[in-house]
């Protein structure tokens, strides 16, 4: 399975301050993750702590927050982890679902999908 990056813009609560980052698309990550310093600049505050299992198998406690994000011209609130220094920004499964997007790994792009209630 391949990986690719996609731009995502994060906004402060007023919508006036915006920061665009290139983030890895990671369907194996439950939530998105952004550098703590970026989230703090936008005024995002932790709403809780979640136990996280990393790709290495190690478990850690990470802060979870809610931030307004924009992907391809659409804005939605998403849950995200406060990532450690040096960690890459990630777009996780929760954000992909919130934006009704799926992954085309062959073309390395995000594509729209339908919403379902079943």
C-alpha atoms as a PDB file:
ATOM      1  CA  UNK A   1       0.000   0.000   0.000  1.00  0.00           C
ATOM      2  CA  UNK A   2       1.406   3.414  -0.949  1.00  0.00           C
ATOM      3  CA  UNK A   3       1.280   6.736   0.807  1.00  0.00           C
ATOM      4  CA  UNK A   4       0.956  10.251  -0.519  1.00  0.00           C
ATOM      5  CA  UNK A   5       0.502  13.748   0.809  1.00  0.00           C
ATOM      6  CA  UNK A   6      -2.340  16.214   0.350  1.00  0.00           C
ATOM      7  CA  UNK A   7      -2.670  19.837   1.448  1.00  0.00           C
ATOM      8  CA  UNK A   8      -5.018  20.615   4.327  1.00  0.00           C
ATOM      9  CA  UNK A   9      -5.759  24.039   5.792  1.00  0.00           C
ATOM     10  CA  UNK A  10      -6.434  24.464   9.506  1.00  0.00           C
ATOM     11  CA  UNK A  11      -8.349  27.497  10.781  1.00  0.00           C
ATOM     12  CA  UNK A  12      -8.667  29.224  14.128  1.00  0.00           C
ATOM     13  CA  UNK A  13     -12.117  29.550  15.718  1.00  0.00           C
ATOM     14  CA  UNK A  14     -12.752  32.930  14.030  1.00  0.00           C
ATOM     15  CA  UNK A  15     -11.741  31.636  10.593  1.00  0.00           C
ATOM     16  CA  UNK A  16      -9.363  34.586  10.128  1.00  0.00           C
ATOM     17  CA  UNK A  17      -6.088  32.781  10.824  1.00  0.00           C
ATOM     18  CA  UNK A  18      -5.340  29.902   8.461  1.00  0.00           C
ATOM     19  CA  UNK A  19      -2.364  27.589   8.143  1.00  0.00           C
ATOM     20  CA  UNK A  20      -1.877  25.239   5.216  1.00  0.00           C
ATOM     21  CA  UNK A  21       0.210  22.092   5.669  1.00  0.00           C
ATOM     22  CA  UNK A  22       1.140  19.144   3.504  1.00  0.00           C
ATOM     23  CA  UNK A  23      -0.078  16.078   5.370  1.00  0.00           C
ATOM     24  CA  UNK A  24       0.384  12.378   4.729  1.00  0.00           C
ATOM     25  CA  UNK A  25      -2.881  10.584   4.010  1.00  0.00           C
ATOM     26  CA  UNK A  26      -2.990   7.710   6.501  1.00  0.00           C
ATOM     27  CA  UNK A  27      -6.104   5.520   6.399  1.00  0.00           C
ATOM     28  CA  UNK A  28      -4.636   3.442   9.235  1.00  0.00           C
ATOM     29  CA  UNK A  29      -4.702   6.426  11.604  1.00  0.00           C
ATOM     30  CA  UNK A  30      -7.997   6.833  13.452  1.00  0.00           C
ATOM     31  CA  UNK A  31      -7.655  10.610  13.794  1.00  0.00           C
ATOM     32  CA  UNK A  32      -5.563  13.227  12.038  1.00  0.00           C
ATOM     33  CA  UNK A  33      -2.432  14.477  13.767  1.00  0.00           C
ATOM     34  CA  UNK A  34      -0.805  17.891  13.570  1.00  0.00           C
ATOM     35  CA  UNK A  35       2.194  19.426  15.317  1.00  0.00           C
ATOM     36  CA  UNK A  36       1.293  20.713  18.766  1.00  0.00           C
ATOM     37  CA  UNK A  37       2.942  24.065  17.961  1.00  0.00           C
ATOM     38  CA  UNK A  38       0.627  24.557  14.953  1.00  0.00           C
ATOM     39  CA  UNK A  39      -2.510  23.705  16.921  1.00  0.00           C
ATOM     40  CA  UNK A  40      -1.463  26.019  19.754  1.00  0.00           C
ATOM     41  CA  UNK A  41      -0.902  28.922  17.295  1.00  0.00           C
ATOM     42  CA  UNK A  42      -4.493  28.417  16.142  1.00  0.00           C
ATOM     43  CA  UNK A  43      -5.789  28.419  19.718  1.00  0.00           C
ATOM     44  CA  UNK A  44      -6.831  24.751  19.666  1.00  0.00           C
ATOM     45  CA  UNK A  45      -7.110  23.325  23.179  1.00  0.00           C
ATOM     46  CA  UNK A  46      -7.080  19.658  24.180  1.00  0.00           C
ATOM     47  CA  UNK A  47     -10.514  18.190  24.919  1.00  0.00           C
ATOM     48  CA  UNK A  48      -9.133  14.970  26.344  1.00  0.00           C
ATOM     49  CA  UNK A  49      -6.392  12.388  26.309  1.00  0.00           C
ATOM     50  CA  UNK A  50      -6.501   9.173  24.299  1.00  0.00           C
ATOM     51  CA  UNK A  51      -4.340   6.069  24.468  1.00  0.00           C
ATOM     52  CA  UNK A  52      -2.717   5.622  21.043  1.00  0.00           C
ATOM     53  CA  UNK A  53      -1.002   2.568  19.568  1.00  0.00           C
ATOM     54  CA  UNK A  54       1.764   3.691  17.227  1.00  0.00           C
ATOM     55  CA  UNK A  55       2.868   1.842  14.080  1.00  0.00           C
ATOM     56  CA  UNK A  56       5.797   0.477  16.116  1.00  0.00           C
ATOM     57  CA  UNK A  57       3.325  -1.179  18.508  1.00  0.00           C
ATOM     58  CA  UNK A  58       4.240   1.183  21.342  1.00  0.00           C
ATOM     59  CA  UNK A  59       1.355   2.762  23.286  1.00  0.00           C
ATOM     60  CA  UNK A  60       1.307   6.398  24.406  1.00  0.00           C
ATOM     61  CA  UNK A  61      -1.167   8.949  25.782  1.00  0.00           C
ATOM     62  CA  UNK A  62      -1.808  11.814  23.340  1.00  0.00           C
ATOM     63  CA  UNK A  63      -3.965  14.916  23.670  1.00  0.00           C
ATOM     64  CA  UNK A  64      -7.014  15.080  21.394  1.00  0.00           C
ATOM     65  CA  UNK A  65      -8.565  18.317  20.135  1.00  0.00           C
ATOM     66  CA  UNK A  66     -11.089  19.651  17.652  1.00  0.00           C
ATOM     67  CA  UNK A  67     -10.040  21.965  14.820  1.00  0.00           C
ATOM     68  CA  UNK A  68     -11.797  23.456  11.810  1.00  0.00           C
ATOM     69  CA  UNK A  69     -10.184  22.115   8.636  1.00  0.00           C
ATOM     70  CA  UNK A  70     -10.543  22.781   4.930  1.00  0.00           C
ATOM     71  CA  UNK A  71      -9.958  20.212   2.198  1.00  0.00           C
ATOM     72  CA  UNK A  72     -10.526  21.046  -1.451  1.00  0.00           C
ATOM     73  CA  UNK A  73     -12.692  24.081  -0.633  1.00  0.00           C
ATOM     74  CA  UNK A  74     -14.927  22.392   1.962  1.00  0.00           C
ATOM     75  CA  UNK A  75     -14.722  23.158   5.692  1.00  0.00           C
ATOM     76  CA  UNK A  76     -15.536  20.719   8.499  1.00  0.00           C
ATOM     77  CA  UNK A  77     -14.646  20.322  12.179  1.00  0.00           C
ATOM     78  CA  UNK A  78     -12.379  17.328  12.763  1.00  0.00           C
ATOM     79  CA  UNK A  79     -10.848  15.596  15.753  1.00  0.00           C
ATOM     80  CA  UNK A  80      -7.064  15.548  15.800  1.00  0.00           C
ATOM     81  CA  UNK A  81      -4.119  14.516  17.916  1.00  0.00           C
ATOM     82  CA  UNK A  82      -1.564  16.991  19.214  1.00  0.00           C
ATOM     83  CA  UNK A  83       1.502  15.463  17.576  1.00  0.00           C
ATOM     84  CA  UNK A  84       5.001  15.487  19.051  1.00  0.00           C
ATOM     85  CA  UNK A  85       7.772  17.709  17.647  1.00  0.00           C
ATOM     86  CA  UNK A  86       9.125  16.389  14.364  1.00  0.00           C
ATOM     87  CA  UNK A  87       6.169  14.092  13.683  1.00  0.00           C
ATOM     88  CA  UNK A  88       4.560  14.452  10.247  1.00  0.00           C
ATOM     89  CA  UNK A  89       1.100  15.940   9.829  1.00  0.00           C
ATOM     90  CA  UNK A  90      -1.419  13.175   9.078  1.00  0.00           C
ATOM     91  CA  UNK A  91      -4.915  13.129   7.586  1.00  0.00           C
ATOM     92  CA  UNK A  92      -6.610  10.186   9.300  1.00  0.00           C
ATOM     93  CA  UNK A  93      -9.737   8.113   8.725  1.00  0.00           C
ATOM     94  CA  UNK A  94     -12.033  10.356  10.814  1.00  0.00           C
ATOM     95  CA  UNK A  95     -11.223  13.392   8.638  1.00  0.00           C
ATOM     96  CA  UNK A  96     -11.666  11.410   5.424  1.00  0.00           C
ATOM     97  CA  UNK A  97     -15.104  10.284   6.610  1.00  0.00           C
ATOM     98  CA  UNK A  98     -16.040  13.817   7.724  1.00  0.00           C
ATOM     99  CA  UNK A  99     -15.173  15.176   4.280  1.00  0.00           C
ATOM    100  CA  UNK A 100     -16.803  12.218   2.458  1.00  0.00           C
ATOM    101  CA  UNK A 101     -13.534  11.308   0.783  1.00  0.00           C
ATOM    102  CA  UNK A 102     -11.895   8.023  -0.083  1.00  0.00           C
ATOM    103  CA  UNK A 103      -8.377   7.238  -1.263  1.00  0.00           C
ATOM    104  CA  UNK A 104      -7.315   6.383  -4.810  1.00  0.00           C
ATOM    105  CA  UNK A 105      -3.856   4.914  -4.194  1.00  0.00           C
ATOM    106  CA  UNK A 106      -3.155   4.290  -7.884  1.00  0.00           C
ATOM    107  CA  UNK A 107      -3.632   7.965  -8.788  1.00  0.00           C
ATOM    108  CA  UNK A 108      -2.511   9.119  -5.307  1.00  0.00           C
ATOM    109  CA  UNK A 109      -5.451  11.419  -4.740  1.00  0.00           C
ATOM    110  CA  UNK A 110      -8.553  11.891  -2.624  1.00  0.00           C
ATOM    111  CA  UNK A 111     -11.874  11.278  -4.352  1.00  0.00           C
ATOM    112  CA  UNK A 112     -15.446  12.075  -3.258  1.00  0.00           C
ATOM    113  CA  UNK A 113     -17.723   9.321  -2.008  1.00  0.00           C
ATOM    114  CA  UNK A 114     -21.397   9.104  -1.106  1.00  0.00           C
ATOM    115  CA  UNK A 115     -22.782   9.386   2.395  1.00  0.00           C
ATOM    116  CA  UNK A 116     -24.874   6.462   3.628  1.00  0.00           C
ATOM    117  CA  UNK A 117     -27.487   5.874   6.294  1.00  0.00           C
ATOM    118  CA  UNK A 118     -28.230   2.196   6.536  1.00  0.00           C
END
